[in-house]
Amino acid sequence: MSTLHTINKSPFSHTTLASCLQVCGNQDGILLLEDGVFGALGTAPCAEELSTLINSGLKVYALTSDVIARGLKEKVRDDISLTDYNGFVQLSIEHNCVQSWY
């Protein structure tokens, strides 16, 4: 069973992304939104762990509007895909469940 994990807290001030990475499987997806998009930076805490999981098949996305609102468009890692709200809905449909991390 695949899960879409949504992260809305910055990894610079919360441990939600780190906690999420401990339970993610390679069939899962992560969507970074709101301040969670700071997790898409190469300098973010957990960047190394995130890379390891991406290399094993985990898909990671960041909500484009939140990335742009925070001035991060040119700083998002190449292995993280940007998506819009329609993409968010599609990801929700493609996964068996959605887990929000607060």
PDB file of N, CA and C in Angstrom:
ATOM      1  N   MET A   1       0.843  -1.174   0.000  1.00  0.00           N
ATOM      2  CA  MET A   1       0.000   0.000   0.000  1.00  0.00           C
ATOM      3  C   MET A   1       0.888   1.237   0.000  1.00  0.00           C
ATOM      4  N   SER A   2       0.646   2.146  -0.941  1.00  0.00           N
ATOM      5  CA  SER A   2       1.456   3.359  -1.012  1.00  0.00           C
ATOM      6  C   SER A   2       0.757   4.507  -0.290  1.00  0.00           C
ATOM      7  N   THR A   3       1.573   5.384   0.261  1.00  0.00           N
ATOM      8  CA  THR A   3       1.063   6.527   1.014  1.00  0.00           C
ATOM      9  C   THR A   3       1.681   7.801   0.467  1.00  0.00           C
ATOM     10  N   LEU A   4       0.858   8.830   0.346  1.00  0.00           N
ATOM     11  CA  LEU A   4       1.360  10.165   0.049  1.00  0.00           C
ATOM     12  C   LEU A   4       1.477  10.891   1.384  1.00  0.00           C
ATOM     13  N   HIS A   5       2.674  11.288   1.719  1.00  0.00           N
ATOM     14  CA  HIS A   5       2.946  11.998   2.970  1.00  0.00           C
ATOM     15  C   HIS A   5       3.023  13.487   2.650  1.00  0.00           C
ATOM     16  N   THR A   6       2.273  14.314   3.367  1.00  0.00           N
ATOM     17  CA  THR A   6       2.357  15.756   3.162  1.00  0.00           C
ATOM     18  C   THR A   6       3.048  16.387   4.366  1.00  0.00           C
ATOM     19  N   ILE A   7       3.999  17.242   4.064  1.00  0.00           N
ATOM     20  CA  ILE A   7       4.799  17.913   5.088  1.00  0.00           C
ATOM     21  C   ILE A   7       4.604  19.418   4.928  1.00  0.00           C
ATOM     22  N   ASN A   8       4.113  20.095   5.968  1.00  0.00           N
ATOM     23  CA  ASN A   8       3.902  21.535   5.865  1.00  0.00           C
ATOM     24  C   ASN A   8       4.755  22.352   6.843  1.00  0.00           C
ATOM     25  N   LYS A   9       5.678  21.713   7.526  1.00  0.00           N
ATOM     26  CA  LYS A   9       6.545  22.408   8.484  1.00  0.00           C
ATOM     27  C   LYS A   9       7.982  22.427   7.967  1.00  0.00           C
ATOM     28  N   SER A  10       8.673  23.510   8.206  1.00  0.00           N
ATOM     29  CA  SER A  10      10.064  23.636   7.789  1.00  0.00           C
ATOM     30  C   SER A  10      10.946  22.654   8.558  1.00  0.00           C
ATOM     31  N   PRO A  11      11.834  21.947   7.867  1.00  0.00           N
ATOM     32  CA  PRO A  11      12.754  21.049   8.568  1.00  0.00           C
ATOM     33  C   PRO A  11      13.810  21.806   9.369  1.00  0.00           C
ATOM     34  N   PHE A  12      13.880  23.116   9.180  1.00  0.00           N
ATOM     35  CA  PHE A  12      14.817  23.924   9.955  1.00  0.00           C
ATOM     36  C   PHE A  12      14.283  24.230  11.349  1.00  0.00           C
ATOM     37  N   SER A  13      12.965  24.033  11.556  1.00  0.00           N
ATOM     38  CA  SER A  13      12.395  24.348  12.860  1.00  0.00           C
ATOM     39  C   SER A  13      11.523  23.232  13.445  1.00  0.00           C
ATOM     40  N   HIS A  14      11.268  22.184  12.680  1.00  0.00           N
ATOM     41  CA  HIS A  14      10.439  21.068  13.145  1.00  0.00           C
ATOM     42  C   HIS A  14      11.065  19.745  12.701  1.00  0.00           C
ATOM     43  N   THR A  15      10.655  18.662  13.330  1.00  0.00           N
ATOM     44  CA  THR A  15      11.209  17.339  12.981  1.00  0.00           C
ATOM     45  C   THR A  15      10.234  16.495  12.164  1.00  0.00           C
ATOM     46  N   THR A  16       9.199  17.130  11.598  1.00  0.00           N
ATOM     47  CA  THR A  16       8.202  16.347  10.863  1.00  0.00           C
ATOM     48  C   THR A  16       8.793  15.618   9.656  1.00  0.00           C
ATOM     49  N   LEU A  17       9.648  16.269   8.897  1.00  0.00           N
ATOM     50  CA  LEU A  17      10.248  15.605   7.736  1.00  0.00           C
ATOM     51  C   LEU A  17      11.134  14.448   8.187  1.00  0.00           C
ATOM     52  N   ALA A  18      11.941  14.653   9.206  1.00  0.00           N
ATOM     53  CA  ALA A  18      12.813  13.583   9.713  1.00  0.00           C
ATOM     54  C   ALA A  18      11.980  12.398  10.189  1.00  0.00           C
ATOM     55  N   SER A  19      10.889  12.663  10.889  1.00  0.00           N
ATOM     56  CA  SER A  19      10.024  11.578  11.364  1.00  0.00           C
ATOM     57  C   SER A  19       9.381  10.846  10.203  1.00  0.00           C
ATOM     58  N   CYS A  20       8.942  11.587   9.214  1.00  0.00           N
ATOM     59  CA  CYS A  20       8.329  10.995   8.032  1.00  0.00           C
ATOM     60  C   CYS A  20       9.307  10.073   7.305  1.00  0.00           C
ATOM     61  N   LEU A  21      10.534  10.517   7.142  1.00  0.00           N
ATOM     62  CA  LEU A  21      11.531   9.733   6.413  1.00  0.00           C
ATOM     63  C   LEU A  21      11.813   8.391   7.083  1.00  0.00           C
ATOM     64  N   GLN A  22      11.592   8.302   8.381  1.00  0.00           N
ATOM     65  CA  GLN A  22      11.835   7.057   9.103  1.00  0.00           C
ATOM     66  C   GLN A  22      10.811   5.975   8.751  1.00  0.00           C
ATOM     67  N   VAL A  23       9.657   6.370   8.241  1.00  0.00           N
ATOM     68  CA  VAL A  23       8.614   5.383   7.946  1.00  0.00           C
ATOM     69  C   VAL A  23       8.294   5.249   6.459  1.00  0.00           C
ATOM     70  N   CYS A  24       8.876   6.083   5.621  1.00  0.00           N
ATOM     71  CA  CYS A  24       8.570   6.045   4.189  1.00  0.00           C
ATOM     72  C   CYS A  24       9.145   4.803   3.514  1.00  0.00           C
ATOM     73  N   GLY A  25       8.353   4.260   2.599  1.00  0.00           N
ATOM     74  CA  GLY A  25       8.812   3.164   1.767  1.00  0.00           C
ATOM     75  C   GLY A  25       9.068   3.654   0.357  1.00  0.00           C
ATOM     76  N   ASN A  26       9.699   2.832  -0.457  1.00  0.00           N
ATOM     77  CA  ASN A  26      10.046   3.280  -1.804  1.00  0.00           C
ATOM     78  C   ASN A  26       8.841   3.393  -2.742  1.00  0.00           C
ATOM     79  N   GLN A  27       7.672   2.925  -2.333  1.00  0.00           N
ATOM     80  CA  GLN A  27       6.451   3.093  -3.122  1.00  0.00           C
ATOM     81  C   GLN A  27       5.706   4.380  -2.728  1.00  0.00           C
ATOM     82  N   ASP A  28       6.137   5.028  -1.658  1.00  0.00           N
ATOM     83  CA  ASP A  28       5.465   6.212  -1.142  1.00  0.00           C
ATOM     84  C   ASP A  28       5.890   7.461  -1.899  1.00  0.00           C
ATOM     85  N   GLY A  29       5.186   8.540  -1.614  1.00  0.00           N
ATOM     86  CA  GLY A  29       5.529   9.845  -2.134  1.00  0.00           C
ATOM     87  C   GLY A  29       5.483  10.855  -1.007  1.00  0.00           C
ATOM     88  N   ILE A  30       6.241  11.925  -1.165  1.00  0.00           N
ATOM     89  CA  ILE A  30       6.223  13.026  -0.212  1.00  0.00           C
ATOM     90  C   ILE A  30       5.887  14.290  -0.986  1.00  0.00           C
ATOM     91  N   LEU A  31       4.935  15.044  -0.455  1.00  0.00           N
ATOM     92  CA  LEU A  31       4.618  16.353  -1.018  1.00  0.00           C
ATOM     93  C   LEU A  31       4.956  17.410   0.020  1.00  0.00           C
ATOM     94  N   LEU A  32       5.879  18.291  -0.339  1.00  0.00           N
ATOM     95  CA  LEU A  32       6.274  19.401   0.522  1.00  0.00           C
ATOM     96  C   LEU A  32       5.410  20.601   0.169  1.00  0.00           C
ATOM     97  N   LEU A  33       4.747  21.183   1.187  1.00  0.00           N
ATOM     98  CA  LEU A  33       3.900  22.337   0.950  1.00  0.00           C
ATOM     99  C   LEU A  33       4.038  23.328   2.093  1.00  0.00           C
ATOM    100  N   GLU A  34       3.491  24.520   1.892  1.00  0.00           N
ATOM    101  CA  GLU A  34       3.644  25.600   2.857  1.00  0.00           C
ATOM    102  C   GLU A  34       5.127  25.724   3.219  1.00  0.00           C
ATOM    103  N   ASP A  35       5.482  25.839   4.511  1.00  0.00           N
ATOM    104  CA  ASP A  35       6.894  25.959   4.884  1.00  0.00           C
ATOM    105  C   ASP A  35       7.673  24.652   4.726  1.00  0.00           C
ATOM    106  N   GLY A  36       6.975  23.569   4.470  1.00  0.00           N
ATOM    107  CA  GLY A  36       7.635  22.292   4.209  1.00  0.00           C
ATOM    108  C   GLY A  36       8.515  22.326   2.973  1.00  0.00           C
ATOM    109  N   VAL A  37       8.276  23.292   2.059  1.00  0.00           N
ATOM    110  CA  VAL A  37       9.084  23.374   0.841  1.00  0.00           C
ATOM    111  C   VAL A  37      10.545  23.689   1.133  1.00  0.00           C
ATOM    112  N   PHE A  38      10.841  24.177   2.331  1.00  0.00           N
ATOM    113  CA  PHE A  38      12.250  24.388   2.690  1.00  0.00           C
ATOM    114  C   PHE A  38      13.004  23.051   2.739  1.00  0.00           C
ATOM    115  N   GLY A  39      12.287  21.944   2.845  1.00  0.00           N
ATOM    116  CA  GLY A  39      12.896  20.624   2.783  1.00  0.00           C
ATOM    117  C   GLY A  39      13.413  20.269   1.399  1.00  0.00           C
ATOM    118  N   ALA A  40      13.056  21.071   0.394  1.00  0.00           N
ATOM    119  CA  ALA A  40      13.511  20.835  -0.978  1.00  0.00           C
ATOM    120  C   ALA A  40      14.884  21.446  -1.255  1.00  0.00           C
ATOM    121  N   LEU A  41      15.453  22.080  -0.255  1.00  0.00           N
ATOM    122  CA  LEU A  41      16.776  22.688  -0.419  1.00  0.00           C
ATOM    123  C   LEU A  41      17.870  21.668  -0.156  1.00  0.00           C
ATOM    124  N   GLY A  42      18.939  21.786  -0.884  1.00  0.00           N
ATOM    125  CA  GLY A  42      20.074  20.891  -0.678  1.00  0.00           C
ATOM    126  C   GLY A  42      20.741  21.081   0.671  1.00  0.00           C
ATOM    127  N   THR A  43      20.534  22.223   1.296  1.00  0.00           N
ATOM    128  CA  THR A  43      21.125  22.516   2.597  1.00  0.00           C
ATOM    129  C   THR A  43      20.202  22.177   3.764  1.00  0.00           C
ATOM    130  N   ALA A  44      19.031  21.643   3.464  1.00  0.00           N
ATOM    131  CA  ALA A  44      18.050  21.354   4.512  1.00  0.00           C
ATOM    132  C   ALA A  44      18.504  20.195   5.395  1.00  0.00           C
ATOM    133  N   PRO A  45      18.094  20.231   6.665  1.00  0.00           N
ATOM    134  CA  PRO A  45      18.326  19.059   7.507  1.00  0.00           C
ATOM    135  C   PRO A  45      17.683  17.845   6.837  1.00  0.00           C
ATOM    136  N   CYS A  46      18.252  16.705   6.976  1.00  0.00           N
ATOM    137  CA  CYS A  46      17.755  15.449   6.385  1.00  0.00           C
ATOM    138  C   CYS A  46      18.010  15.344   4.886  1.00  0.00           C
ATOM    139  N   ALA A  47      18.771  16.265   4.308  1.00  0.00           N
ATOM    140  CA  ALA A  47      19.010  16.226   2.865  1.00  0.00           C
ATOM    141  C   ALA A  47      19.671  14.913   2.440  1.00  0.00           C
ATOM    142  N   GLU A  48      20.584  14.427   3.235  1.00  0.00           N
ATOM    143  CA  GLU A  48      21.280  13.181   2.898  1.00  0.00           C
ATOM    144  C   GLU A  48      20.329  11.986   2.976  1.00  0.00           C
ATOM    145  N   GLU A  49      19.522  11.931   4.031  1.00  0.00           N
ATOM    146  CA  GLU A  49      18.548  10.844   4.174  1.00  0.00           C
ATOM    147  C   GLU A  49      17.518  10.883   3.050  1.00  0.00           C
ATOM    148  N   LEU A  50      17.105  12.094   2.675  1.00  0.00           N
ATOM    149  CA  LEU A  50      16.152  12.262   1.590  1.00  0.00           C
ATOM    150  C   LEU A  50      16.742  11.752   0.284  1.00  0.00           C
ATOM    151  N   SER A  51      18.003  12.062   0.020  1.00  0.00           N
ATOM    152  CA  SER A  51      18.678  11.583  -1.190  1.00  0.00           C
ATOM    153  C   SER A  51      18.719  10.066  -1.246  1.00  0.00           C
ATOM    154  N   THR A  52      19.029   9.458  -0.120  1.00  0.00           N
ATOM    155  CA  THR A  52      19.092   7.994  -0.062  1.00  0.00           C
ATOM    156  C   THR A  52      17.749   7.386  -0.425  1.00  0.00           C
ATOM    157  N   LEU A  53      16.666   7.931   0.127  1.00  0.00           N
ATOM    158  CA  LEU A  53      15.334   7.400  -0.162  1.00  0.00           C
ATOM    159  C   LEU A  53      14.909   7.674  -1.602  1.00  0.00           C
ATOM    160  N   ILE A  54      15.254   8.849  -2.123  1.00  0.00           N
ATOM    161  CA  ILE A  54      14.942   9.153  -3.522  1.00  0.00           C
ATOM    162  C   ILE A  54      15.652   8.165  -4.430  1.00  0.00           C
ATOM    163  N   ASN A  55      16.904   7.856  -4.121  1.00  0.00           N
ATOM    164  CA  ASN A  55      17.661   6.902  -4.934  1.00  0.00           C
ATOM    165  C   ASN A  55      17.093   5.493  -4.864  1.00  0.00           C
ATOM    166  N   SER A  56      16.325   5.187  -3.802  1.00  0.00           N
ATOM    167  CA  SER A  56      15.715   3.862  -3.688  1.00  0.00           C
ATOM    168  C   SER A  56      14.301   3.827  -4.267  1.00  0.00           C
ATOM    169  N   GLY A  57      13.819   4.959  -4.792  1.00  0.00           N
ATOM    170  CA  GLY A  57      12.528   4.961  -5.470  1.00  0.00           C
ATOM    171  C   GLY A  57      11.474   5.904  -4.921  1.00  0.00           C
ATOM    172  N   LEU A  58      11.721   6.501  -3.766  1.00  0.00           N
ATOM    173  CA  LEU A  58      10.764   7.445  -3.194  1.00  0.00           C
ATOM    174  C   LEU A  58      10.639   8.655  -4.113  1.00  0.00           C
ATOM    175  N   LYS A  59       9.419   9.095  -4.363  1.00  0.00           N
ATOM    176  CA  LYS A  59       9.174  10.287  -5.176  1.00  0.00           C
ATOM    177  C   LYS A  59       8.872  11.463  -4.246  1.00  0.00           C
ATOM    178  N   VAL A  60       9.523  12.588  -4.506  1.00  0.00           N
ATOM    179  CA  VAL A  60       9.328  13.774  -3.677  1.00  0.00           C
ATOM    180  C   VAL A  60       8.918  14.934  -4.572  1.00  0.00           C
ATOM    181  N   TYR A  61       7.893  15.649  -4.121  1.00  0.00           N
ATOM    182  CA  TYR A  61       7.331  16.768  -4.860  1.00  0.00           C
ATOM    183  C   TYR A  61       7.274  17.984  -3.946  1.00  0.00           C
ATOM    184  N   ALA A  62       7.266  19.168  -4.552  1.00  0.00           N
ATOM    185  CA  ALA A  62       7.076  20.414  -3.813  1.00  0.00           C
ATOM    186  C   ALA A  62       6.018  21.225  -4.548  1.00  0.00           C
ATOM    187  N   LEU A  63       5.138  21.855  -3.797  1.00  0.00           N
ATOM    188  CA  LEU A  63       4.063  22.647  -4.374  1.00  0.00           C
ATOM    189  C   LEU A  63       4.644  23.950  -4.933  1.00  0.00           C
ATOM    190  N   THR A  64       4.501  24.118  -6.234  1.00  0.00           N
ATOM    191  CA  THR A  64       5.119  25.233  -6.951  1.00  0.00           C
ATOM    192  C   THR A  64       4.755  26.592  -6.362  1.00  0.00           C
ATOM    193  N   SER A  65       3.490  26.808  -6.076  1.00  0.00           N
ATOM    194  CA  SER A  65       3.069  28.125  -5.565  1.00  0.00           C
ATOM    195  C   SER A  65       3.735  28.452  -4.233  1.00  0.00           C
ATOM    196  N   ASP A  66       3.950  27.453  -3.391  1.00  0.00           N
ATOM    197  CA  ASP A  66       4.614  27.689  -2.108  1.00  0.00           C
ATOM    198  C   ASP A  66       6.110  27.915  -2.295  1.00  0.00           C
ATOM    199  N   VAL A  67       6.708  27.228  -3.245  1.00  0.00           N
ATOM    200  CA  VAL A  67       8.123  27.429  -3.559  1.00  0.00           C
ATOM    201  C   VAL A  67       8.344  28.859  -4.050  1.00  0.00           C
ATOM    202  N   ILE A  68       7.482  29.302  -4.978  1.00  0.00           N
ATOM    203  CA  ILE A  68       7.615  30.654  -5.530  1.00  0.00           C
ATOM    204  C   ILE A  68       7.363  31.702  -4.456  1.00  0.00           C
ATOM    205  N   ALA A  69       6.351  31.492  -3.627  1.00  0.00           N
ATOM    206  CA  ALA A  69       6.018  32.461  -2.575  1.00  0.00           C
ATOM    207  C   ALA A  69       7.172  32.674  -1.608  1.00  0.00           C
ATOM    208  N   ARG A  70       8.026  31.681  -1.461  1.00  0.00           N
ATOM    209  CA  ARG A  70       9.158  31.781  -0.530  1.00  0.00           C
ATOM    210  C   ARG A  70      10.478  32.087  -1.240  1.00  0.00           C
ATOM    211  N   GLY A  71      10.410  32.383  -2.540  1.00  0.00           N
ATOM    212  CA  GLY A  71      11.604  32.763  -3.295  1.00  0.00           C
ATOM    213  C   GLY A  71      12.604  31.640  -3.479  1.00  0.00           C
ATOM    214  N   LEU A  72      12.122  30.398  -3.567  1.00  0.00           N
ATOM    215  CA  LEU A  72      13.024  29.247  -3.623  1.00  0.00           C
ATOM    216  C   LEU A  72      13.088  28.561  -4.988  1.00  0.00           C
ATOM    217  N   LYS A  73      12.443  29.120  -6.002  1.00  0.00           N
ATOM    218  CA  LYS A  73      12.325  28.423  -7.299  1.00  0.00           C
ATOM    219  C   LYS A  73      13.676  27.977  -7.857  1.00  0.00           C
ATOM    220  N   GLU A  74      14.680  28.797  -7.737  1.00  0.00           N
ATOM    221  CA  GLU A  74      16.009  28.474  -8.286  1.00  0.00           C
ATOM    222  C   GLU A  74      16.853  27.627  -7.334  1.00  0.00           C
ATOM    223  N   LYS A  75      16.338  27.346  -6.138  1.00  0.00           N
ATOM    224  CA  LYS A  75      17.116  26.638  -5.134  1.00  0.00           C
ATOM    225  C   LYS A  75      16.638  25.213  -4.866  1.00  0.00           C
ATOM    226  N   VAL A  76      15.544  24.819  -5.504  1.00  0.00           N
ATOM    227  CA  VAL A  76      14.992  23.472  -5.285  1.00  0.00           C
ATOM    228  C   VAL A  76      15.932  22.442  -5.907  1.00  0.00           C
ATOM    229  N   ARG A  77      16.156  21.374  -5.184  1.00  0.00           N
ATOM    230  CA  ARG A  77      17.024  20.288  -5.667  1.00  0.00           C
ATOM    231  C   ARG A  77      16.475  19.726  -6.978  1.00  0.00           C
ATOM    232  N   ASP A  78      17.374  19.261  -7.829  1.00  0.00           N
ATOM    233  CA  ASP A  78      16.982  18.705  -9.126  1.00  0.00           C
ATOM    234  C   ASP A  78      16.196  17.411  -9.015  1.00  0.00           C
ATOM    235  N   ASP A  79      16.362  16.670  -7.926  1.00  0.00           N
ATOM    236  CA  ASP A  79      15.675  15.386  -7.789  1.00  0.00           C
ATOM    237  C   ASP A  79      14.299  15.515  -7.120  1.00  0.00           C
ATOM    238  N   ILE A  80      13.829  16.755  -6.946  1.00  0.00           N
ATOM    239  CA  ILE A  80      12.495  17.012  -6.399  1.00  0.00           C
ATOM    240  C   ILE A  80      11.664  17.681  -7.482  1.00  0.00           C
ATOM    241  N   SER A  81      10.502  17.119  -7.761  1.00  0.00           N
ATOM    242  CA  SER A  81       9.630  17.626  -8.818  1.00  0.00           C
ATOM    243  C   SER A  81       8.686  18.691  -8.274  1.00  0.00           C
ATOM    244  N   LEU A  82       8.478  19.731  -9.061  1.00  0.00           N
ATOM    245  CA  LEU A  82       7.498  20.745  -8.706  1.00  0.00           C
ATOM    246  C   LEU A  82       6.136  20.332  -9.250  1.00  0.00           C
ATOM    247  N   THR A  83       5.096  20.629  -8.502  1.00  0.00           N
ATOM    248  CA  THR A  83       3.741  20.302  -8.935  1.00  0.00           C
ATOM    249  C   THR A  83       2.792  21.409  -8.502  1.00  0.00           C
ATOM    250  N   ASP A  84       1.637  21.455  -9.160  1.00  0.00           N
ATOM    251  CA  ASP A  84       0.617  22.441  -8.815  1.00  0.00           C
ATOM    252  C   ASP A  84      -0.516  21.752  -8.065  1.00  0.00           C
ATOM    253  N   TYR A  85      -1.604  22.487  -7.818  1.00  0.00           N
ATOM    254  CA  TYR A  85      -2.711  21.917  -7.061  1.00  0.00           C
ATOM    255  C   TYR A  85      -3.380  20.766  -7.805  1.00  0.00           C
ATOM    256  N   ASN A  86      -3.452  20.845  -9.132  1.00  0.00           N
ATOM    257  CA  ASN A  86      -3.997  19.716  -9.896  1.00  0.00           C
ATOM    258  C   ASN A  86      -3.122  18.481  -9.719  1.00  0.00           C
ATOM    259  N   GLY A  87      -1.815  18.688  -9.685  1.00  0.00           N
ATOM    260  CA  GLY A  87      -0.899  17.580  -9.434  1.00  0.00           C
ATOM    261  C   GLY A  87      -1.066  17.009  -8.036  1.00  0.00           C
ATOM    262  N   PHE A  88      -1.339  17.869  -7.072  1.00  0.00           N
ATOM    263  CA  PHE A  88      -1.594  17.441  -5.696  1.00  0.00           C
ATOM    264  C   PHE A  88      -2.802  16.510  -5.670  1.00  0.00           C
ATOM    265  N   VAL A  89      -3.866  16.894  -6.362  1.00  0.00           N
ATOM    266  CA  VAL A  89      -5.060  16.045  -6.425  1.00  0.00           C
ATOM    267  C   VAL A  89      -4.725  14.716  -7.092  1.00  0.00           C
ATOM    268  N   GLN A  90      -3.973  14.759  -8.182  1.00  0.00           N
ATOM    269  CA  GLN A  90      -3.606  13.530  -8.887  1.00  0.00           C
ATOM    270  C   GLN A  90      -2.772  12.611  -8.000  1.00  0.00           C
ATOM    271  N   LEU A  91      -1.829  13.169  -7.260  1.00  0.00           N
ATOM    272  CA  LEU A  91      -1.023  12.364  -6.337  1.00  0.00           C
ATOM    273  C   LEU A  91      -1.896  11.723  -5.268  1.00  0.00           C
ATOM    274  N   SER A  92      -2.877  12.466  -4.786  1.00  0.00           N
ATOM    275  CA  SER A  92      -3.804  11.931  -3.775  1.00  0.00           C
ATOM    276  C   SER A  92      -4.585  10.744  -4.318  1.00  0.00           C
ATOM    277  N   ILE A  93      -4.931  10.793  -5.586  1.00  0.00           N
ATOM    278  CA  ILE A  93      -5.673   9.703  -6.225  1.00  0.00           C
ATOM    279  C   ILE A  93      -4.776   8.488  -6.453  1.00  0.00           C
ATOM    280  N   GLU A  94      -3.523   8.726  -6.821  1.00  0.00           N
ATOM    281  CA  GLU A  94      -2.597   7.643  -7.167  1.00  0.00           C
ATOM    282  C   GLU A  94      -2.146   6.828  -5.961  1.00  0.00           C
ATOM    283  N   HIS A  95      -2.226   7.408  -4.777  1.00  0.00           N
ATOM    284  CA  HIS A  95      -1.795   6.697  -3.564  1.00  0.00           C
ATOM    285  C   HIS A  95      -3.010   6.165  -2.807  1.00  0.00           C
ATOM    286  N   ASN A  96      -2.785   5.083  -2.073  1.00  0.00           N
ATOM    287  CA  ASN A  96      -3.876   4.460  -1.317  1.00  0.00           C
ATOM    288  C   ASN A  96      -4.382   5.323  -0.173  1.00  0.00           C
ATOM    289  N   CYS A  97      -3.493   6.098   0.431  1.00  0.00           N
ATOM    290  CA  CYS A  97      -3.911   6.978   1.511  1.00  0.00           C
ATOM    291  C   CYS A  97      -2.992   8.198   1.559  1.00  0.00           C
ATOM    292  N   VAL A  98      -3.462   9.207   2.280  1.00  0.00           N
ATOM    293  CA  VAL A  98      -2.690  10.433   2.457  1.00  0.00           C
ATOM    294  C   VAL A  98      -2.462  10.625   3.949  1.00  0.00           C
ATOM    295  N   GLN A  99      -1.216  10.833   4.322  1.00  0.00           N
ATOM    296  CA  GLN A  99      -0.836  11.050   5.721  1.00  0.00           C
ATOM    297  C   GLN A  99      -0.263  12.459   5.851  1.00  0.00           C
ATOM    298  N   SER A 100      -0.925  13.298   6.623  1.00  0.00           N
ATOM    299  CA  SER A 100      -0.422  14.651   6.862  1.00  0.00           C
ATOM    300  C   SER A 100       0.417  14.660   8.135  1.00  0.00           C
ATOM    301  N   TRP A 101       1.584  15.272   8.040  1.00  0.00           N
ATOM    302  CA  TRP A 101       2.499  15.351   9.183  1.00  0.00           C
ATOM    303  C   TRP A 101       2.465  16.773   9.714  1.00  0.00           C
ATOM    304  N   TYR A 102       2.156  16.927  10.999  1.00  0.00           N
ATOM    305  CA  TYR A 102       2.065  18.245  11.635  1.00  0.00           C
ATOM    306  C   TYR A 102       3.058  18.369  12.749  1.00  0.00           C
TER     307      TYR A 102
END
